[in-house]
Full PDB file with SEQRES, HELIX, SHEET, SSBOND, CRYST1, ORIGX, SCALE, CONECT and MASTER records, all heavy atoms in Angstrom:
SEQRES   1 A   37  TYR ILE ILE GLU LYS SER ARG ASN ASP LEU GLN LYS LEU          
SEQRES   2 A   37  SER GLU SER SER GLY GLY VAL LEU LYS VAL ASP GLU LEU          
SEQRES   3 A   37  ILE ASP SER LYS ARG ILE PHE THR ALA PRO LEU                  
HELIX    1 AA1 ILE A    2  SER A   16  1                                  15    
CRYST1    1.000    1.000    1.000  90.00  90.00  90.00 P 1           1          
ORIGX1      1.000000  0.000000  0.000000        0.00000                         
ORIGX2      0.000000  1.000000  0.000000        0.00000                         
ORIGX3      0.000000  0.000000  1.000000        0.00000                         
SCALE1      1.000000  0.000000  0.000000        0.00000                         
SCALE2      0.000000  1.000000  0.000000        0.00000                         
SCALE3      0.000000  0.000000  1.000000        0.00000                         
ATOM      1  N   TYR A   1      36.096  11.438 -20.988  1.00  0.00           N  
ATOM      2  CA  TYR A   1      36.399  11.671 -19.547  1.00  0.00           C  
ATOM      3  C   TYR A   1      34.874  11.831 -18.751  1.00  0.00           C  
ATOM      4  O   TYR A   1      34.813  11.314 -17.800  1.00  0.00           O  
ATOM      5  CB  TYR A   1      37.138  12.837 -19.434  1.00  0.00           C  
ATOM      6  CG  TYR A   1      37.519  13.310 -17.985  1.00  0.00           C  
ATOM      7  CD1 TYR A   1      38.720  12.720 -17.300  1.00  0.00           C  
ATOM      8  CD2 TYR A   1      36.670  14.268 -17.261  1.00  0.00           C  
ATOM      9  CE1 TYR A   1      38.865  13.122 -15.959  1.00  0.00           C  
ATOM     10  CE2 TYR A   1      37.069  14.617 -16.017  1.00  0.00           C  
ATOM     11  CZ  TYR A   1      38.147  14.059 -15.262  1.00  0.00           C  
ATOM     12  OH  TYR A   1      38.455  14.374 -14.001  1.00  0.00           O  
ATOM     13  N   ILE A   2      34.076  12.584 -19.337  1.00  0.00           N  
ATOM     14  CA  ILE A   2      32.803  12.810 -18.607  1.00  0.00           C  
ATOM     15  C   ILE A   2      31.941  11.637 -18.671  1.00  0.00           C  
ATOM     16  O   ILE A   2      31.208  11.425 -17.700  1.00  0.00           O  
ATOM     17  CB  ILE A   2      32.007  14.038 -19.450  1.00  0.00           C  
ATOM     18  CG1 ILE A   2      32.884  15.358 -19.292  1.00  0.00           C  
ATOM     19  CG2 ILE A   2      30.745  14.256 -18.908  1.00  0.00           C  
ATOM     20  CD1 ILE A   2      32.998  15.869 -17.823  1.00  0.00           C  
ATOM     21  N   ILE A   3      31.918  10.905 -19.745  1.00  0.00           N  
ATOM     22  CA  ILE A   3      31.066   9.606 -19.781  1.00  0.00           C  
ATOM     23  C   ILE A   3      31.643   8.687 -18.642  1.00  0.00           C  
ATOM     24  O   ILE A   3      30.930   8.077 -18.018  1.00  0.00           O  
ATOM     25  CB  ILE A   3      31.126   9.008 -21.208  1.00  0.00           C  
ATOM     26  CG1 ILE A   3      30.267   9.700 -22.052  1.00  0.00           C  
ATOM     27  CG2 ILE A   3      30.623   7.506 -21.013  1.00  0.00           C  
ATOM     28  CD1 ILE A   3      30.209   9.239 -23.508  1.00  0.00           C  
ATOM     29  N   GLU A   4      32.991   8.619 -18.502  1.00  0.00           N  
ATOM     30  CA  GLU A   4      33.594   7.824 -17.526  1.00  0.00           C  
ATOM     31  C   GLU A   4      33.164   8.257 -16.142  1.00  0.00           C  
ATOM     32  O   GLU A   4      32.848   7.432 -15.165  1.00  0.00           O  
ATOM     33  CB  GLU A   4      35.174   7.637 -17.709  1.00  0.00           C  
ATOM     34  CG  GLU A   4      35.750   6.729 -16.724  1.00  0.00           C  
ATOM     35  CD  GLU A   4      35.209   5.312 -16.884  1.00  0.00           C  
ATOM     36  OE1 GLU A   4      34.992   4.918 -17.931  1.00  0.00           O  
ATOM     37  OE2 GLU A   4      35.317   4.620 -15.837  1.00  0.00           O  
ATOM     38  N   LYS A   5      33.234   9.503 -15.780  1.00  0.00           N  
ATOM     39  CA  LYS A   5      32.837  10.126 -14.588  1.00  0.00           C  
ATOM     40  C   LYS A   5      31.403   9.900 -14.247  1.00  0.00           C  
ATOM     41  O   LYS A   5      31.034   9.798 -13.157  1.00  0.00           O  
ATOM     42  CB  LYS A   5      33.218  11.539 -14.541  1.00  0.00           C  
ATOM     43  CG  LYS A   5      34.794  11.887 -14.487  1.00  0.00           C  
ATOM     44  CD  LYS A   5      35.199  11.452 -13.103  1.00  0.00           C  
ATOM     45  CE  LYS A   5      36.722  11.926 -12.983  1.00  0.00           C  
ATOM     46  NZ  LYS A   5      37.219  11.588 -11.627  1.00  0.00           N  
ATOM     47  N   SER A   6      30.580   9.834 -15.302  1.00  0.00           N  
ATOM     48  CA  SER A   6      29.053   9.645 -15.171  1.00  0.00           C  
ATOM     49  C   SER A   6      28.671   8.133 -15.309  1.00  0.00           C  
ATOM     50  O   SER A   6      27.408   7.922 -15.159  1.00  0.00           O  
ATOM     51  CB  SER A   6      28.455  10.514 -16.107  1.00  0.00           C  
ATOM     52  OG  SER A   6      28.816  11.827 -16.205  1.00  0.00           O  
ATOM     53  N   ARG A   7      29.493   7.352 -15.514  1.00  0.00           N  
ATOM     54  CA  ARG A   7      29.181   5.928 -15.878  1.00  0.00           C  
ATOM     55  C   ARG A   7      28.232   5.245 -14.989  1.00  0.00           C  
ATOM     56  O   ARG A   7      27.319   4.676 -15.388  1.00  0.00           O  
ATOM     57  CB  ARG A   7      30.417   5.113 -16.008  1.00  0.00           C  
ATOM     58  CG  ARG A   7      30.179   3.737 -16.688  1.00  0.00           C  
ATOM     59  CD  ARG A   7      31.439   2.919 -16.889  1.00  0.00           C  
ATOM     60  NE  ARG A   7      32.308   3.754 -17.867  1.00  0.00           N  
ATOM     61  CZ  ARG A   7      32.022   3.755 -19.205  1.00  0.00           C  
ATOM     62  NH1 ARG A   7      31.124   3.050 -19.725  1.00  0.00           N  
ATOM     63  NH2 ARG A   7      32.769   4.358 -20.064  1.00  0.00           N  
ATOM     64  N   ASN A   8      28.438   5.301 -13.668  1.00  0.00           N  
ATOM     65  CA  ASN A   8      27.582   4.726 -12.667  1.00  0.00           C  
ATOM     66  C   ASN A   8      26.125   5.158 -12.819  1.00  0.00           C  
ATOM     67  O   ASN A   8      25.117   4.387 -12.890  1.00  0.00           O  
ATOM     68  CB  ASN A   8      28.001   4.868 -11.303  1.00  0.00           C  
ATOM     69  CG  ASN A   8      29.365   4.110 -11.043  1.00  0.00           C  
ATOM     70  OD1 ASN A   8      29.645   3.079 -11.828  1.00  0.00           O  
ATOM     71  ND2 ASN A   8      30.038   4.421 -10.034  1.00  0.00           N  
ATOM     72  N   ASP A   9      25.946   6.473 -12.793  1.00  0.00           N  
ATOM     73  CA  ASP A   9      24.599   7.017 -12.892  1.00  0.00           C  
ATOM     74  C   ASP A   9      23.799   6.813 -14.335  1.00  0.00           C  
ATOM     75  O   ASP A   9      22.767   6.412 -14.326  1.00  0.00           O  
ATOM     76  CB  ASP A   9      24.567   8.573 -12.741  1.00  0.00           C  
ATOM     77  CG  ASP A   9      24.925   8.923 -11.373  1.00  0.00           C  
ATOM     78  OD1 ASP A   9      24.726   8.185 -10.344  1.00  0.00           O  
ATOM     79  OD2 ASP A   9      25.464  10.032 -11.115  1.00  0.00           O  
ATOM     80  N   LEU A  10      24.699   6.769 -15.325  1.00  0.00           N  
ATOM     81  CA  LEU A  10      24.104   6.486 -16.731  1.00  0.00           C  
ATOM     82  C   LEU A  10      23.803   5.011 -16.737  1.00  0.00           C  
ATOM     83  O   LEU A  10      22.716   4.627 -17.429  1.00  0.00           O  
ATOM     84  CB  LEU A  10      25.162   6.843 -17.729  1.00  0.00           C  
ATOM     85  CG  LEU A  10      25.506   8.269 -17.990  1.00  0.00           C  
ATOM     86  CD1 LEU A  10      26.502   8.540 -19.021  1.00  0.00           C  
ATOM     87  CD2 LEU A  10      24.192   9.011 -18.292  1.00  0.00           C  
ATOM     88  N   GLN A  11      24.548   4.106 -16.215  1.00  0.00           N  
ATOM     89  CA  GLN A  11      24.196   2.673 -16.275  1.00  0.00           C  
ATOM     90  C   GLN A  11      22.972   2.334 -15.335  1.00  0.00           C  
ATOM     91  O   GLN A  11      22.158   1.579 -15.881  1.00  0.00           O  
ATOM     92  CB  GLN A  11      25.443   1.857 -15.618  1.00  0.00           C  
ATOM     93  CG  GLN A  11      25.222   0.372 -15.527  1.00  0.00           C  
ATOM     94  CD  GLN A  11      25.151  -0.180 -16.962  1.00  0.00           C  
ATOM     95  OE1 GLN A  11      25.900   0.352 -17.874  1.00  0.00           O  
ATOM     96  NE2 GLN A  11      24.333  -1.085 -17.210  1.00  0.00           N  
ATOM     97  N   LYS A  12      22.822   3.126 -14.354  1.00  0.00           N  
ATOM     98  CA  LYS A  12      21.530   2.829 -13.602  1.00  0.00           C  
ATOM     99  C   LYS A  12      20.380   3.269 -14.357  1.00  0.00           C  
ATOM    100  O   LYS A  12      19.242   2.545 -14.279  1.00  0.00           O  
ATOM    101  CB  LYS A  12      21.573   3.634 -12.325  1.00  0.00           C  
ATOM    102  CG  LYS A  12      22.646   3.024 -11.294  1.00  0.00           C  
ATOM    103  CD  LYS A  12      22.677   3.908  -9.975  1.00  0.00           C  
ATOM    104  CE  LYS A  12      23.749   3.322  -9.062  1.00  0.00           C  
ATOM    105  NZ  LYS A  12      23.884   4.310  -7.792  1.00  0.00           N  
ATOM    106  N   LEU A  13      20.417   4.410 -15.015  1.00  0.00           N  
ATOM    107  CA  LEU A  13      19.370   4.895 -15.991  1.00  0.00           C  
ATOM    108  C   LEU A  13      19.013   3.906 -17.105  1.00  0.00           C  
ATOM    109  O   LEU A  13      17.931   3.646 -17.418  1.00  0.00           O  
ATOM    110  CB  LEU A  13      19.652   6.297 -16.459  1.00  0.00           C  
ATOM    111  CG  LEU A  13      19.517   7.378 -15.545  1.00  0.00           C  
ATOM    112  CD1 LEU A  13      20.012   8.736 -16.202  1.00  0.00           C  
ATOM    113  CD2 LEU A  13      17.994   7.539 -15.165  1.00  0.00           C  
ATOM    114  N   SER A  14      20.046   3.403 -17.694  1.00  0.00           N  
ATOM    115  CA  SER A  14      19.980   2.350 -18.715  1.00  0.00           C  
ATOM    116  C   SER A  14      19.245   1.153 -18.192  1.00  0.00           C  
ATOM    117  O   SER A  14      18.358   0.650 -18.921  1.00  0.00           O  
ATOM    118  CB  SER A  14      21.444   2.093 -19.408  1.00  0.00           C  
ATOM    119  OG  SER A  14      21.162   1.171 -20.329  1.00  0.00           O  
ATOM    120  N   GLU A  15      19.607   0.612 -17.165  1.00  0.00           N  
ATOM    121  CA  GLU A  15      18.985  -0.582 -16.584  1.00  0.00           C  
ATOM    122  C   GLU A  15      17.589  -0.321 -16.398  1.00  0.00           C  
ATOM    123  O   GLU A  15      16.622  -1.088 -16.581  1.00  0.00           O  
ATOM    124  CB  GLU A  15      19.772  -1.055 -15.377  1.00  0.00           C  
ATOM    125  CG  GLU A  15      21.094  -1.579 -15.613  1.00  0.00           C  
ATOM    126  CD  GLU A  15      21.853  -1.737 -14.370  1.00  0.00           C  
ATOM    127  OE1 GLU A  15      21.351  -1.518 -13.273  1.00  0.00           O  
ATOM    128  OE2 GLU A  15      23.049  -2.336 -14.473  1.00  0.00           O  
ATOM    129  N   SER A  16      17.211   0.946 -15.748  1.00  0.00           N  
ATOM    130  CA  SER A  16      15.851   1.356 -15.507  1.00  0.00           C  
ATOM    131  C   SER A  16      14.929   1.493 -16.720  1.00  0.00           C  
ATOM    132  O   SER A  16      13.737   1.118 -16.605  1.00  0.00           O  
ATOM    133  CB  SER A  16      15.911   2.622 -14.593  1.00  0.00           C  
ATOM    134  OG  SER A  16      14.545   3.039 -14.352  1.00  0.00           O  
ATOM    135  N   SER A  17      15.585   1.814 -17.928  1.00  0.00           N  
ATOM    136  CA  SER A  17      14.826   2.002 -19.030  1.00  0.00           C  
ATOM    137  C   SER A  17      14.648   0.621 -19.776  1.00  0.00           C  
ATOM    138  O   SER A  17      14.067   0.602 -20.719  1.00  0.00           O  
ATOM    139  CB  SER A  17      15.650   2.938 -19.990  1.00  0.00           C  
ATOM    140  OG  SER A  17      16.821   2.307 -20.451  1.00  0.00           O  
ATOM    141  N   GLY A  18      15.146  -0.471 -19.216  1.00  0.00           N  
ATOM    142  CA  GLY A  18      15.200  -1.748 -19.917  1.00  0.00           C  
ATOM    143  C   GLY A  18      16.102  -1.903 -20.871  1.00  0.00           C  
ATOM    144  O   GLY A  18      16.010  -2.655 -21.882  1.00  0.00           O  
ATOM    145  N   GLY A  19      17.298  -1.191 -20.894  1.00  0.00           N  
ATOM    146  CA  GLY A  19      18.355  -1.244 -21.750  1.00  0.00           C  
ATOM    147  C   GLY A  19      18.144  -0.311 -23.038  1.00  0.00           C  
ATOM    148  O   GLY A  19      19.007  -0.458 -23.961  1.00  0.00           O  
ATOM    149  N   VAL A  20      17.105   0.383 -23.143  1.00  0.00           N  
ATOM    150  CA  VAL A  20      16.771   1.216 -24.234  1.00  0.00           C  
ATOM    151  C   VAL A  20      17.693   2.347 -24.242  1.00  0.00           C  
ATOM    152  O   VAL A  20      18.185   2.813 -25.389  1.00  0.00           O  
ATOM    153  CB  VAL A  20      15.199   1.655 -24.200  1.00  0.00           C  
ATOM    154  CG1 VAL A  20      15.045   2.724 -25.293  1.00  0.00           C  
ATOM    155  CG2 VAL A  20      14.419   0.481 -24.382  1.00  0.00           C  
ATOM    156  N   LEU A  21      17.964   2.999 -23.079  1.00  0.00           N  
ATOM    157  CA  LEU A  21      18.788   4.220 -23.071  1.00  0.00           C  
ATOM    158  C   LEU A  21      20.212   3.759 -23.374  1.00  0.00           C  
ATOM    159  O   LEU A  21      20.857   2.850 -22.771  1.00  0.00           O  
ATOM    160  CB  LEU A  21      18.800   4.962 -21.799  1.00  0.00           C  
ATOM    161  CG  LEU A  21      19.577   6.106 -21.484  1.00  0.00           C  
ATOM    162  CD1 LEU A  21      19.117   7.214 -22.325  1.00  0.00           C  
ATOM    163  CD2 LEU A  21      19.694   6.379 -20.051  1.00  0.00           C  
ATOM    164  N   LYS A  22      20.912   4.671 -24.166  1.00  0.00           N  
ATOM    165  CA  LYS A  22      22.348   4.379 -24.565  1.00  0.00           C  
ATOM    166  C   LYS A  22      22.977   5.693 -24.545  1.00  0.00           C  
ATOM    167  O   LYS A  22      22.408   6.725 -25.197  1.00  0.00           O  
ATOM    168  CB  LYS A  22      22.488   3.681 -25.925  1.00  0.00           C  
ATOM    169  CG  LYS A  22      21.992   2.099 -25.929  1.00  0.00           C  
ATOM    170  CD  LYS A  22      22.162   1.478 -27.284  1.00  0.00           C  
ATOM    171  CE  LYS A  22      21.589   0.197 -27.200  1.00  0.00           C  
ATOM    172  NZ  LYS A  22      21.923  -0.531 -28.499  1.00  0.00           N  
ATOM    173  N   VAL A  23      24.149   5.912 -24.171  1.00  0.00           N  
ATOM    174  CA  VAL A  23      24.907   7.108 -24.343  1.00  0.00           C  
ATOM    175  C   VAL A  23      26.347   6.699 -24.825  1.00  0.00           C  
ATOM    176  O   VAL A  23      27.086   6.003 -24.321  1.00  0.00           O  
ATOM    177  CB  VAL A  23      25.139   7.775 -22.902  1.00  0.00           C  
ATOM    178  CG1 VAL A  23      25.961   9.052 -23.206  1.00  0.00           C  
ATOM    179  CG2 VAL A  23      23.825   8.059 -22.214  1.00  0.00           C  
ATOM    180  N   ASP A  24      26.675   7.261 -26.088  1.00  0.00           N  
ATOM    181  CA  ASP A  24      27.758   6.811 -26.910  1.00  0.00           C  
ATOM    182  C   ASP A  24      28.720   8.057 -27.024  1.00  0.00           C  
ATOM    183  O   ASP A  24      28.259   9.229 -27.137  1.00  0.00           O  
ATOM    184  CB  ASP A  24      27.330   6.268 -28.209  1.00  0.00           C  
ATOM    185  CG  ASP A  24      26.519   5.069 -28.200  1.00  0.00           C  
ATOM    186  OD1 ASP A  24      27.009   4.219 -27.333  1.00  0.00           O  
ATOM    187  OD2 ASP A  24      25.536   4.908 -28.746  1.00  0.00           O  
ATOM    188  N   GLU A  25      29.942   7.653 -27.201  1.00  0.00           N  
ATOM    189  CA  GLU A  25      31.040   8.670 -27.592  1.00  0.00           C  
ATOM    190  C   GLU A  25      31.223   8.309 -29.103  1.00  0.00           C  
ATOM    191  O   GLU A  25      31.868   7.319 -29.383  1.00  0.00           O  
ATOM    192  CB  GLU A  25      32.237   8.528 -26.813  1.00  0.00           C  
ATOM    193  CG  GLU A  25      32.867   6.970 -26.618  1.00  0.00           C  
ATOM    194  CD  GLU A  25      34.083   7.045 -25.892  1.00  0.00           C  
ATOM    195  OE1 GLU A  25      35.152   7.287 -26.545  1.00  0.00           O  
ATOM    196  OE2 GLU A  25      34.084   6.697 -24.624  1.00  0.00           O  
ATOM    197  N   LEU A  26      30.704   9.179 -29.892  1.00  0.00           N  
ATOM    198  CA  LEU A  26      30.787   9.057 -31.382  1.00  0.00           C  
ATOM    199  C   LEU A  26      31.701  10.001 -32.112  1.00  0.00           C  
ATOM    200  O   LEU A  26      31.491  10.393 -32.980  1.00  0.00           O  
ATOM    201  CB  LEU A  26      29.394   9.051 -31.947  1.00  0.00           C  
ATOM    202  CG  LEU A  26      28.266   8.077 -31.407  1.00  0.00           C  
ATOM    203  CD1 LEU A  26      26.957   8.369 -32.126  1.00  0.00           C  
ATOM    204  CD2 LEU A  26      28.677   6.718 -31.666  1.00  0.00           C  
ATOM    205  N   ILE A  27      32.927  10.270 -31.449  1.00  0.00           N  
ATOM    206  CA  ILE A  27      33.786  11.236 -31.973  1.00  0.00           C  
ATOM    207  C   ILE A  27      34.645  10.522 -33.087  1.00  0.00           C  
ATOM    208  O   ILE A  27      35.489   9.719 -32.727  1.00  0.00           O  
ATOM    209  CB  ILE A  27      34.624  11.837 -30.836  1.00  0.00           C  
ATOM    210  CG1 ILE A  27      33.690  12.337 -29.789  1.00  0.00           C  
ATOM    211  CG2 ILE A  27      35.540  12.992 -31.392  1.00  0.00           C  
ATOM    212  CD1 ILE A  27      32.733  13.355 -30.102  1.00  0.00           C  
ATOM    213  N   ASP A  28      34.681  10.944 -34.289  1.00  0.00           N  
ATOM    214  CA  ASP A  28      35.604  10.574 -35.360  1.00  0.00           C  
ATOM    215  C   ASP A  28      35.598  11.675 -36.317  1.00  0.00           C  
ATOM    216  O   ASP A  28      34.663  12.653 -36.228  1.00  0.00           O  
ATOM    217  CB  ASP A  28      35.319   9.273 -35.949  1.00  0.00           C  
ATOM    218  CG  ASP A  28      33.894   9.202 -36.592  1.00  0.00           C  
ATOM    219  OD1 ASP A  28      33.615  10.009 -37.484  1.00  0.00           O  
ATOM    220  OD2 ASP A  28      33.179   8.313 -36.209  1.00  0.00           O  
ATOM    221  N   SER A  29      36.548  11.756 -37.216  1.00  0.00           N  
ATOM    222  CA  SER A  29      36.863  12.956 -38.055  1.00  0.00           C  
ATOM    223  C   SER A  29      35.693  13.294 -39.122  1.00  0.00           C  
ATOM    224  O   SER A  29      35.461  14.477 -39.382  1.00  0.00           O  
ATOM    225  CB  SER A  29      38.157  12.609 -38.951  1.00  0.00           C  
ATOM    226  OG  SER A  29      38.122  11.576 -39.765  1.00  0.00           O  
ATOM    227  N   LYS A  30      34.949  12.385 -39.533  1.00  0.00           N  
ATOM    228  CA  LYS A  30      33.809  12.585 -40.478  1.00  0.00           C  
ATOM    229  C   LYS A  30      32.511  12.522 -39.842  1.00  0.00           C  
ATOM    230  O   LYS A  30      31.476  12.506 -40.635  1.00  0.00           O  
ATOM    231  CB  LYS A  30      33.995  11.517 -41.619  1.00  0.00           C  
ATOM    232  CG  LYS A  30      35.404  11.455 -42.423  1.00  0.00           C  
ATOM    233  CD  LYS A  30      35.595  12.655 -43.117  1.00  0.00           C  
ATOM    234  CE  LYS A  30      36.779  12.570 -43.953  1.00  0.00           C  
ATOM    235  NZ  LYS A  30      38.040  12.182 -43.441  1.00  0.00           N  
ATOM    236  N   ARG A  31      32.442  12.512 -38.518  1.00  0.00           N  
ATOM    237  CA  ARG A  31      31.143  12.280 -37.861  1.00  0.00           C  
ATOM    238  C   ARG A  31      30.069  13.349 -38.338  1.00  0.00           C  
ATOM    239  O   ARG A  31      30.454  14.630 -38.205  1.00  0.00           O  
ATOM    240  CB  ARG A  31      31.230  12.250 -36.442  1.00  0.00           C  
ATOM    241  CG  ARG A  31      30.021  12.163 -35.565  1.00  0.00           C  
ATOM    242  CD  ARG A  31      29.283  10.875 -35.816  1.00  0.00           C  
ATOM    243  NE  ARG A  31      30.075   9.826 -35.629  1.00  0.00           N  
ATOM    244  CZ  ARG A  31      29.773   8.423 -35.636  1.00  0.00           C  
ATOM    245  NH1 ARG A  31      28.459   8.152 -36.159  1.00  0.00           N  
ATOM    246  NH2 ARG A  31      30.592   7.468 -35.529  1.00  0.00           N  
ATOM    247  N   ILE A  32      28.938  13.069 -38.599  1.00  0.00           N  
ATOM    248  CA  ILE A  32      27.855  14.023 -38.816  1.00  0.00           C  
ATOM    249  C   ILE A  32      26.904  13.892 -37.781  1.00  0.00           C  
ATOM    250  O   ILE A  32      26.632  12.962 -37.172  1.00  0.00           O  
ATOM    251  CB  ILE A  32      27.208  13.821 -40.264  1.00  0.00           C  
ATOM    252  CG1 ILE A  32      26.535  12.432 -40.444  1.00  0.00           C  
ATOM    253  CG2 ILE A  32      28.175  14.166 -41.353  1.00  0.00           C  
ATOM    254  CD1 ILE A  32      25.876  12.174 -41.652  1.00  0.00           C  
ATOM    255  N   PHE A  33      26.166  14.967 -37.450  1.00  0.00           N  
ATOM    256  CA  PHE A  33      24.890  15.035 -36.462  1.00  0.00           C  
ATOM    257  C   PHE A  33      23.944  15.977 -36.992  1.00  0.00           C  
ATOM    258  O   PHE A  33      24.194  16.749 -37.976  1.00  0.00           O  
ATOM    259  CB  PHE A  33      25.454  15.267 -35.149  1.00  0.00           C  
ATOM    260  CG  PHE A  33      26.286  16.491 -34.841  1.00  0.00           C  
ATOM    261  CD1 PHE A  33      26.291  17.535 -35.841  1.00  0.00           C  
ATOM    262  CD2 PHE A  33      27.051  16.781 -33.682  1.00  0.00           C  
ATOM    263  CE1 PHE A  33      27.014  18.737 -35.496  1.00  0.00           C  
ATOM    264  CE2 PHE A  33      27.750  17.850 -33.485  1.00  0.00           C  
ATOM    265  CZ  PHE A  33      27.683  18.924 -34.462  1.00  0.00           C  
ATOM    266  N   THR A  34      22.828  15.937 -36.563  1.00  0.00           N  
ATOM    267  CA  THR A  34      21.688  16.603 -36.905  1.00  0.00           C  
ATOM    268  C   THR A  34      21.839  18.132 -36.751  1.00  0.00           C  
ATOM    269  O   THR A  34      22.207  18.703 -35.749  1.00  0.00           O  
ATOM    270  CB  THR A  34      20.296  16.276 -36.134  1.00  0.00           C  
ATOM    271  OG1 THR A  34      20.312  14.757 -36.114  1.00  0.00           O  
ATOM    272  CG2 THR A  34      19.172  16.743 -36.799  1.00  0.00           C  
ATOM    273  N   ALA A  35      21.435  18.866 -37.803  1.00  0.00           N  
ATOM    274  CA  ALA A  35      21.308  20.310 -37.800  1.00  0.00           C  
ATOM    275  C   ALA A  35      20.194  20.910 -36.996  1.00  0.00           C  
ATOM    276  O   ALA A  35      19.210  20.153 -37.160  1.00  0.00           O  
ATOM    277  CB  ALA A  35      21.500  20.972 -39.082  1.00  0.00           C  
ATOM    278  N   PRO A  36      20.270  22.032 -36.339  1.00  0.00           N  
ATOM    279  CA  PRO A  36      19.047  22.535 -35.608  1.00  0.00           C  
ATOM    280  C   PRO A  36      18.009  22.743 -36.527  1.00  0.00           C  
ATOM    281  O   PRO A  36      18.182  23.175 -37.707  1.00  0.00           O  
ATOM    282  CB  PRO A  36      19.716  23.868 -35.112  1.00  0.00           C  
ATOM    283  CG  PRO A  36      21.035  23.628 -35.041  1.00  0.00           C  
ATOM    284  CD  PRO A  36      21.546  22.764 -36.055  1.00  0.00           C  
ATOM    285  N   LEU A  37      16.802  22.514 -36.142  1.00  0.00           N  
ATOM    286  CA  LEU A  37      15.510  22.599 -36.814  1.00  0.00           C  
ATOM    287  C   LEU A  37      15.287  21.780 -37.999  1.00  0.00           C  
ATOM    288  O   LEU A  37      14.398  21.883 -38.894  1.00  0.00           O  
ATOM    289  CB  LEU A  37      15.193  24.047 -37.261  1.00  0.00           C  
ATOM    290  CG  LEU A  37      15.117  25.113 -36.050  1.00  0.00           C  
ATOM    291  CD1 LEU A  37      14.864  26.456 -36.522  1.00  0.00           C  
ATOM    292  CD2 LEU A  37      14.034  24.552 -35.077  1.00  0.00           C  
TER     293      LEU A  37                                                      
MASTER        0    0    0    1    0    0    0    6  292    1    0    3          
END                                                                             
């Protein structure tokens, strides 16, 4: 929901970065992410 609401602004930033910037929804049951520190 939040990504959809922010889509236009995020798309502009991505284009400005030359397509380097990406914002993904990576929600799944076994998803891992980096621990602090």
